[in-house]
Amino acid sequence: MLLHQWMLLTLCALFSLPSHAEQFKTIKNSEIHYSAFNSSLITADVATQYQLKRNGHSAILNISVLDKSKLGKPAVDAKISGSAKNLLGQTKTLEFKQIKEGKAIYYLAQFAISDQENLTFNINIDAGATGSGPISFTQKFYVEE
């Protein structure tokens, strides 16, 4: 289990670096970290463990919510919903599933992508008293054959 957690953390960190060194937003005491990347970049083992499709035409959005008011910034449970909209105005509803591994909590959503597609993500975070509100960001995706 620890190896899989390390692999997922490493993947999320590595694939968020090319577009932004730090991808997070703060809402009250919630520090929301996010990264989106092509699903072909995960290993077959990780895809199987988290029931994700691994191909060049889909991507994964990973979100974690940390409580920055507490020592060590522990992960917190949250309700997460949202959508992604392309430049043509087509909207993709994102369905998040919660992954818990030890003290880590991740929310993953998988979605289809087209080559050179720009998506604007509008995500609603509800972490209760820790902090709730919307985040938004845009990212360009490339299909991998």
N, C-alpha and C. Protein backbone atom coordinates (compact mmCIF):
# COMPACT_ATOMS: atom_id res chain seq x y z
N MET A 1 0.82 -1.20 0.00
CA MET A 1 0.00 0.00 0.00
C MET A 1 0.86 1.26 0.00
N LEU A 2 1.90 1.27 0.83
CA LEU A 2 2.76 2.43 0.92
C LEU A 2 3.42 2.74 -0.42
N LEU A 3 3.81 1.70 -1.15
CA LEU A 3 4.43 1.90 -2.47
C LEU A 3 3.45 2.54 -3.43
N HIS A 4 2.19 2.09 -3.43
CA HIS A 4 1.19 2.68 -4.32
C HIS A 4 0.94 4.14 -3.96
N GLN A 5 0.87 4.44 -2.66
CA GLN A 5 0.66 5.81 -2.24
C GLN A 5 1.82 6.68 -2.71
N TRP A 6 3.04 6.20 -2.55
CA TRP A 6 4.21 6.93 -2.98
C TRP A 6 4.17 7.17 -4.49
N MET A 7 3.77 6.14 -5.25
CA MET A 7 3.70 6.26 -6.71
C MET A 7 2.68 7.32 -7.11
N LEU A 8 1.50 7.30 -6.47
CA LEU A 8 0.47 8.27 -6.81
C LEU A 8 0.92 9.69 -6.46
N LEU A 9 1.51 9.86 -5.29
CA LEU A 9 2.02 11.17 -4.90
C LEU A 9 3.08 11.66 -5.86
N THR A 10 3.98 10.77 -6.23
CA THR A 10 5.06 11.13 -7.15
C THR A 10 4.49 11.53 -8.51
N LEU A 11 3.55 10.76 -9.01
CA LEU A 11 2.93 11.08 -10.30
C LEU A 11 2.25 12.43 -10.26
N CYS A 12 1.48 12.66 -9.22
CA CYS A 12 0.76 13.93 -9.12
C CYS A 12 1.73 15.10 -9.05
N ALA A 13 2.80 14.94 -8.31
CA ALA A 13 3.79 16.01 -8.20
C ALA A 13 4.51 16.23 -9.52
N LEU A 14 4.94 15.14 -10.15
CA LEU A 14 5.69 15.26 -11.40
C LEU A 14 4.87 15.90 -12.52
N PHE A 15 3.62 15.49 -12.63
CA PHE A 15 2.85 15.95 -13.78
C PHE A 15 2.18 17.29 -13.57
N SER A 16 2.26 17.81 -12.37
CA SER A 16 1.77 19.16 -12.17
C SER A 16 2.89 20.18 -12.41
N LEU A 17 4.14 19.75 -12.43
CA LEU A 17 5.27 20.67 -12.56
C LEU A 17 5.37 21.37 -13.91
N PRO A 18 5.12 20.72 -15.05
CA PRO A 18 5.35 21.42 -16.31
C PRO A 18 4.54 22.70 -16.48
N SER A 19 3.29 22.74 -16.03
CA SER A 19 2.49 23.93 -16.26
C SER A 19 2.58 24.93 -15.12
N HIS A 20 2.71 24.47 -13.89
CA HIS A 20 2.83 25.35 -12.73
C HIS A 20 3.63 24.62 -11.67
N ALA A 21 4.57 25.32 -11.06
CA ALA A 21 5.38 24.68 -10.02
C ALA A 21 4.53 24.34 -8.80
N GLU A 22 3.64 25.23 -8.40
CA GLU A 22 2.74 24.98 -7.27
C GLU A 22 1.33 25.23 -7.75
N GLN A 23 0.51 24.21 -7.73
CA GLN A 23 -0.89 24.37 -8.12
C GLN A 23 -1.75 24.17 -6.90
N PHE A 24 -2.05 25.27 -6.21
CA PHE A 24 -2.98 25.19 -5.10
C PHE A 24 -3.65 26.54 -4.90
N LYS A 25 -4.79 26.49 -4.26
CA LYS A 25 -5.53 27.70 -3.92
C LYS A 25 -5.93 27.57 -2.46
N THR A 26 -6.08 28.71 -1.82
CA THR A 26 -6.47 28.73 -0.42
C THR A 26 -7.86 29.31 -0.28
N ILE A 27 -8.70 28.62 0.47
CA ILE A 27 -10.03 29.11 0.83
C ILE A 27 -10.15 28.94 2.34
N LYS A 28 -10.18 30.07 3.04
CA LYS A 28 -10.20 30.07 4.51
C LYS A 28 -9.01 29.27 5.02
N ASN A 29 -9.24 28.15 5.72
CA ASN A 29 -8.13 27.31 6.20
C ASN A 29 -7.90 26.09 5.31
N SER A 30 -8.59 26.01 4.18
CA SER A 30 -8.40 24.90 3.25
C SER A 30 -7.33 25.27 2.22
N GLU A 31 -6.36 24.40 2.08
CA GLU A 31 -5.35 24.53 1.04
C GLU A 31 -5.67 23.44 0.02
N ILE A 32 -6.17 23.83 -1.15
CA ILE A 32 -6.64 22.88 -2.16
C ILE A 32 -5.55 22.71 -3.20
N HIS A 33 -4.98 21.50 -3.26
CA HIS A 33 -3.95 21.17 -4.25
C HIS A 33 -4.62 20.43 -5.41
N TYR A 34 -4.23 20.75 -6.63
CA TYR A 34 -4.84 20.10 -7.79
C TYR A 34 -3.80 19.88 -8.87
N SER A 35 -4.02 18.81 -9.63
CA SER A 35 -3.20 18.55 -10.81
C SER A 35 -4.04 17.73 -11.78
N ALA A 36 -3.84 18.00 -13.05
CA ALA A 36 -4.54 17.27 -14.10
C ALA A 36 -3.48 16.79 -15.10
N PHE A 37 -3.62 15.54 -15.52
CA PHE A 37 -2.61 14.95 -16.40
C PHE A 37 -3.22 13.83 -17.22
N ASN A 38 -2.57 13.49 -18.32
CA ASN A 38 -3.03 12.42 -19.20
C ASN A 38 -2.95 11.09 -18.46
N SER A 39 -3.99 10.27 -18.57
CA SER A 39 -4.03 9.00 -17.83
C SER A 39 -3.02 7.98 -18.34
N SER A 40 -2.46 8.18 -19.53
CA SER A 40 -1.45 7.25 -20.03
C SER A 40 -0.16 7.34 -19.22
N LEU A 41 -0.04 8.37 -18.40
CA LEU A 41 1.16 8.56 -17.60
C LEU A 41 1.17 7.75 -16.31
N ILE A 42 0.04 7.18 -15.93
CA ILE A 42 0.03 6.35 -14.73
C ILE A 42 0.39 4.92 -15.10
N THR A 43 0.88 4.17 -14.14
CA THR A 43 1.25 2.78 -14.40
C THR A 43 -0.01 1.92 -14.48
N ALA A 44 0.13 0.76 -15.08
CA ALA A 44 -1.00 -0.18 -15.16
C ALA A 44 -1.45 -0.59 -13.77
N ASP A 45 -0.51 -0.78 -12.84
CA ASP A 45 -0.87 -1.16 -11.47
C ASP A 45 -1.71 -0.09 -10.79
N VAL A 46 -1.33 1.16 -10.94
CA VAL A 46 -2.09 2.26 -10.33
C VAL A 46 -3.47 2.35 -10.96
N ALA A 47 -3.55 2.21 -12.28
CA ALA A 47 -4.83 2.25 -12.97
C ALA A 47 -5.76 1.14 -12.47
N THR A 48 -5.23 -0.05 -12.31
CA THR A 48 -6.02 -1.17 -11.81
C THR A 48 -6.48 -0.92 -10.38
N GLN A 49 -5.56 -0.48 -9.52
CA GLN A 49 -5.90 -0.28 -8.12
C GLN A 49 -7.01 0.74 -7.93
N TYR A 50 -6.99 1.82 -8.71
CA TYR A 50 -7.97 2.89 -8.55
C TYR A 50 -9.09 2.84 -9.58
N GLN A 51 -9.15 1.76 -10.34
CA GLN A 51 -10.18 1.55 -11.35
C GLN A 51 -10.26 2.73 -12.33
N LEU A 52 -9.10 3.06 -12.88
CA LEU A 52 -9.01 4.15 -13.85
C LEU A 52 -8.68 3.58 -15.23
N LYS A 53 -9.15 4.27 -16.27
CA LYS A 53 -8.78 3.89 -17.63
C LYS A 53 -7.43 4.52 -17.93
N ARG A 54 -6.60 3.74 -18.57
CA ARG A 54 -5.25 4.22 -18.92
C ARG A 54 -5.14 4.28 -20.43
N ASN A 55 -5.29 5.48 -21.01
CA ASN A 55 -5.15 5.64 -22.45
C ASN A 55 -4.83 7.10 -22.77
N GLY A 56 -4.45 7.34 -23.99
CA GLY A 56 -4.03 8.67 -24.40
C GLY A 56 -5.15 9.67 -24.62
N HIS A 57 -6.40 9.20 -24.57
CA HIS A 57 -7.55 10.07 -24.83
C HIS A 57 -8.34 10.39 -23.57
N SER A 58 -7.74 10.17 -22.41
CA SER A 58 -8.41 10.53 -21.16
C SER A 58 -7.40 11.13 -20.20
N ALA A 59 -7.90 11.94 -19.30
CA ALA A 59 -7.06 12.60 -18.31
C ALA A 59 -7.67 12.41 -16.93
N ILE A 60 -6.88 12.74 -15.93
CA ILE A 60 -7.28 12.59 -14.54
C ILE A 60 -7.06 13.91 -13.83
N LEU A 61 -8.04 14.32 -13.06
CA LEU A 61 -7.90 15.48 -12.18
C LEU A 61 -7.79 14.95 -10.76
N ASN A 62 -6.73 15.33 -10.08
CA ASN A 62 -6.47 14.91 -8.70
C ASN A 62 -6.56 16.14 -7.81
N ILE A 63 -7.39 16.05 -6.76
CA ILE A 63 -7.54 17.15 -5.81
C ILE A 63 -7.34 16.62 -4.40
N SER A 64 -6.62 17.38 -3.60
CA SER A 64 -6.53 17.07 -2.17
C SER A 64 -6.77 18.37 -1.40
N VAL A 65 -7.39 18.22 -0.24
CA VAL A 65 -7.72 19.37 0.60
C VAL A 65 -7.01 19.20 1.93
N LEU A 66 -6.21 20.19 2.29
CA LEU A 66 -5.43 20.15 3.52
C LEU A 66 -5.91 21.26 4.46
N ASP A 67 -5.84 20.99 5.76
CA ASP A 67 -6.20 21.99 6.77
C ASP A 67 -4.94 22.71 7.19
N LYS A 68 -4.73 23.91 6.65
CA LYS A 68 -3.49 24.64 6.92
C LYS A 68 -3.45 25.24 8.32
N SER A 69 -4.55 25.20 9.07
CA SER A 69 -4.57 25.74 10.42
C SER A 69 -4.04 24.75 11.46
N LYS A 70 -3.84 23.50 11.03
CA LYS A 70 -3.37 22.46 11.95
C LYS A 70 -1.94 22.06 11.62
N LEU A 71 -1.21 21.66 12.64
CA LEU A 71 0.17 21.25 12.50
C LEU A 71 0.29 20.11 11.49
N GLY A 72 1.18 20.25 10.54
CA GLY A 72 1.39 19.21 9.54
C GLY A 72 0.42 19.26 8.38
N LYS A 73 -0.51 20.22 8.38
CA LYS A 73 -1.52 20.35 7.33
C LYS A 73 -2.17 19.01 6.98
N PRO A 74 -2.93 18.43 7.90
CA PRO A 74 -3.54 17.13 7.61
C PRO A 74 -4.60 17.21 6.51
N ALA A 75 -4.76 16.12 5.80
CA ALA A 75 -5.81 16.03 4.77
C ALA A 75 -7.16 16.00 5.46
N VAL A 76 -8.16 16.58 4.81
CA VAL A 76 -9.51 16.60 5.37
C VAL A 76 -10.50 16.06 4.35
N ASP A 77 -11.60 15.51 4.87
CA ASP A 77 -12.70 15.08 4.02
C ASP A 77 -13.36 16.31 3.42
N ALA A 78 -13.83 16.17 2.20
CA ALA A 78 -14.52 17.27 1.53
C ALA A 78 -15.53 16.70 0.55
N LYS A 79 -16.49 17.50 0.21
CA LYS A 79 -17.41 17.18 -0.88
C LYS A 79 -16.93 18.00 -2.07
N ILE A 80 -16.67 17.31 -3.17
CA ILE A 80 -16.11 17.98 -4.35
C ILE A 80 -16.98 17.68 -5.56
N SER A 81 -17.33 18.72 -6.28
CA SER A 81 -18.08 18.57 -7.52
C SER A 81 -17.53 19.59 -8.51
N GLY A 82 -17.85 19.38 -9.77
CA GLY A 82 -17.36 20.35 -10.73
C GLY A 82 -17.54 19.93 -12.16
N SER A 83 -17.03 20.78 -13.03
CA SER A 83 -17.14 20.53 -14.47
C SER A 83 -15.94 21.12 -15.18
N ALA A 84 -15.79 20.70 -16.42
CA ALA A 84 -14.75 21.23 -17.30
C ALA A 84 -15.43 21.67 -18.59
N LYS A 85 -15.08 22.85 -19.07
CA LYS A 85 -15.70 23.39 -20.28
C LYS A 85 -14.61 23.70 -21.30
N ASN A 86 -14.85 23.27 -22.57
CA ASN A 86 -13.87 23.58 -23.62
C ASN A 86 -14.20 24.91 -24.29
N LEU A 87 -13.39 25.31 -25.26
CA LEU A 87 -13.57 26.61 -25.91
C LEU A 87 -14.85 26.70 -26.74
N LEU A 88 -15.43 25.55 -27.09
CA LEU A 88 -16.70 25.54 -27.83
C LEU A 88 -17.90 25.63 -26.90
N GLY A 89 -17.65 25.64 -25.60
CA GLY A 89 -18.74 25.72 -24.63
C GLY A 89 -19.28 24.37 -24.21
N GLN A 90 -18.68 23.29 -24.69
CA GLN A 90 -19.12 21.95 -24.30
C GLN A 90 -18.65 21.67 -22.88
N THR A 91 -19.58 21.21 -22.05
CA THR A 91 -19.29 20.99 -20.64
C THR A 91 -19.23 19.50 -20.33
N LYS A 92 -18.23 19.13 -19.55
CA LYS A 92 -18.06 17.76 -19.07
C LYS A 92 -18.26 17.79 -17.55
N THR A 93 -19.25 17.05 -17.06
CA THR A 93 -19.45 16.95 -15.62
C THR A 93 -18.43 15.98 -15.05
N LEU A 94 -17.78 16.39 -13.98
CA LEU A 94 -16.74 15.56 -13.36
C LEU A 94 -17.33 14.80 -12.18
N GLU A 95 -17.04 13.52 -12.13
CA GLU A 95 -17.48 12.68 -11.02
C GLU A 95 -16.24 12.27 -10.23
N PHE A 96 -16.16 12.72 -9.00
CA PHE A 96 -15.00 12.46 -8.16
C PHE A 96 -15.22 11.24 -7.29
N LYS A 97 -14.14 10.47 -7.12
CA LYS A 97 -14.18 9.38 -6.15
C LYS A 97 -13.08 9.63 -5.14
N GLN A 98 -13.42 9.36 -3.89
CA GLN A 98 -12.48 9.59 -2.80
C GLN A 98 -11.57 8.38 -2.63
N ILE A 99 -10.29 8.64 -2.48
CA ILE A 99 -9.28 7.61 -2.22
C ILE A 99 -8.62 7.95 -0.89
N LYS A 100 -8.64 6.98 0.04
CA LYS A 100 -7.97 7.17 1.33
C LYS A 100 -6.87 6.13 1.45
N GLU A 101 -5.68 6.62 1.75
CA GLU A 101 -4.53 5.74 1.99
C GLU A 101 -3.80 6.29 3.20
N GLY A 102 -3.96 5.62 4.33
CA GLY A 102 -3.38 6.13 5.56
C GLY A 102 -3.99 7.47 5.89
N LYS A 103 -3.14 8.46 6.07
CA LYS A 103 -3.62 9.81 6.40
C LYS A 103 -3.91 10.65 5.16
N ALA A 104 -3.56 10.14 3.99
CA ALA A 104 -3.77 10.88 2.74
C ALA A 104 -5.19 10.68 2.22
N ILE A 105 -5.77 11.75 1.69
CA ILE A 105 -7.09 11.69 1.06
C ILE A 105 -6.98 12.39 -0.29
N TYR A 106 -7.40 11.70 -1.35
CA TYR A 106 -7.38 12.25 -2.70
C TYR A 106 -8.77 12.13 -3.30
N TYR A 107 -9.07 13.03 -4.21
CA TYR A 107 -10.31 12.98 -4.97
C TYR A 107 -9.92 12.95 -6.44
N LEU A 108 -10.31 11.88 -7.14
CA LEU A 108 -9.93 11.69 -8.54
C LEU A 108 -11.16 11.73 -9.43
N ALA A 109 -11.03 12.41 -10.56
CA ALA A 109 -12.07 12.41 -11.59
C ALA A 109 -11.38 12.16 -12.93
N GLN A 110 -11.94 11.25 -13.71
CA GLN A 110 -11.38 10.96 -15.03
C GLN A 110 -12.34 11.49 -16.08
N PHE A 111 -11.78 11.99 -17.20
CA PHE A 111 -12.59 12.59 -18.25
C PHE A 111 -11.89 12.44 -19.59
N ALA A 112 -12.68 12.47 -20.65
CA ALA A 112 -12.16 12.35 -22.02
C ALA A 112 -11.55 13.69 -22.45
N ILE A 113 -10.50 13.58 -23.30
CA ILE A 113 -9.87 14.78 -23.84
C ILE A 113 -9.67 14.64 -25.34
N SER A 114 -9.56 15.77 -26.01
CA SER A 114 -9.19 15.83 -27.42
C SER A 114 -7.82 16.48 -27.51
N ASP A 115 -7.15 16.29 -28.64
CA ASP A 115 -5.81 16.84 -28.78
C ASP A 115 -5.84 18.36 -28.79
N GLN A 116 -4.94 18.97 -28.04
CA GLN A 116 -4.78 20.40 -27.89
C GLN A 116 -6.04 21.08 -27.36
N GLU A 117 -6.76 20.36 -26.53
CA GLU A 117 -8.00 20.89 -25.96
C GLU A 117 -7.70 21.73 -24.71
N ASN A 118 -8.21 22.94 -24.71
CA ASN A 118 -8.14 23.81 -23.54
C ASN A 118 -9.41 23.61 -22.72
N LEU A 119 -9.24 23.24 -21.47
CA LEU A 119 -10.39 23.06 -20.58
C LEU A 119 -10.30 24.03 -19.42
N THR A 120 -11.43 24.65 -19.12
CA THR A 120 -11.54 25.49 -17.94
C THR A 120 -12.31 24.68 -16.90
N PHE A 121 -11.67 24.47 -15.75
CA PHE A 121 -12.26 23.68 -14.67
C PHE A 121 -12.91 24.63 -13.67
N ASN A 122 -14.13 24.31 -13.30
CA ASN A 122 -14.84 25.02 -12.25
C ASN A 122 -15.21 23.98 -11.21
N ILE A 123 -14.54 24.07 -10.06
CA ILE A 123 -14.66 23.06 -9.03
C ILE A 123 -15.22 23.69 -7.76
N ASN A 124 -16.16 23.01 -7.13
CA ASN A 124 -16.73 23.45 -5.86
C ASN A 124 -16.19 22.56 -4.75
N ILE A 125 -15.61 23.19 -3.74
CA ILE A 125 -15.03 22.49 -2.61
C ILE A 125 -15.88 22.79 -1.38
N ASP A 126 -16.28 21.76 -0.66
CA ASP A 126 -16.99 21.93 0.60
C ASP A 126 -16.27 21.12 1.66
N ALA A 127 -15.41 21.80 2.42
CA ALA A 127 -14.68 21.16 3.51
C ALA A 127 -15.22 21.63 4.86
N GLY A 128 -16.48 21.98 4.88
CA GLY A 128 -17.13 22.40 6.12
C GLY A 128 -16.48 23.63 6.71
N ALA A 129 -16.28 23.60 8.04
CA ALA A 129 -15.72 24.75 8.76
C ALA A 129 -14.29 25.07 8.33
N THR A 130 -13.58 24.10 7.74
CA THR A 130 -12.21 24.33 7.30
C THR A 130 -12.17 25.33 6.14
N GLY A 131 -13.18 25.30 5.30
CA GLY A 131 -13.25 26.23 4.18
C GLY A 131 -13.98 25.65 2.99
N SER A 132 -14.87 26.44 2.43
CA SER A 132 -15.65 26.00 1.27
C SER A 132 -15.70 27.12 0.25
N GLY A 133 -15.78 26.74 -1.02
CA GLY A 133 -15.88 27.73 -2.07
C GLY A 133 -15.43 27.17 -3.39
N PRO A 134 -15.45 28.00 -4.44
CA PRO A 134 -15.06 27.54 -5.78
C PRO A 134 -13.59 27.78 -6.08
N ILE A 135 -13.04 26.95 -6.94
CA ILE A 135 -11.74 27.21 -7.55
C ILE A 135 -11.91 27.05 -9.06
N SER A 136 -11.07 27.71 -9.80
CA SER A 136 -11.15 27.65 -11.26
C SER A 136 -9.73 27.72 -11.82
N PHE A 137 -9.49 26.95 -12.89
CA PHE A 137 -8.21 27.01 -13.59
C PHE A 137 -8.39 26.48 -14.99
N THR A 138 -7.48 26.83 -15.87
CA THR A 138 -7.52 26.38 -17.27
C THR A 138 -6.24 25.61 -17.57
N GLN A 139 -6.40 24.55 -18.35
CA GLN A 139 -5.23 23.74 -18.72
C GLN A 139 -5.43 23.19 -20.13
N LYS A 140 -4.33 23.07 -20.87
CA LYS A 140 -4.35 22.53 -22.22
C LYS A 140 -3.88 21.07 -22.15
N PHE A 141 -4.57 20.20 -22.90
CA PHE A 141 -4.26 18.78 -22.91
C PHE A 141 -3.86 18.33 -24.32
N TYR A 142 -3.03 17.29 -24.35
CA TYR A 142 -2.58 16.71 -25.61
C TYR A 142 -2.87 15.23 -25.59
N VAL A 143 -3.41 14.72 -26.67
CA VAL A 143 -3.67 13.28 -26.81
C VAL A 143 -2.36 12.58 -27.06
N GLU A 144 -2.19 11.45 -26.41
CA GLU A 144 -1.00 10.63 -26.62
C GLU A 144 -1.42 9.36 -27.32
N GLU A 145 -0.83 9.11 -28.47
CA GLU A 145 -1.18 7.92 -29.26
C GLU A 145 -0.41 6.72 -28.80
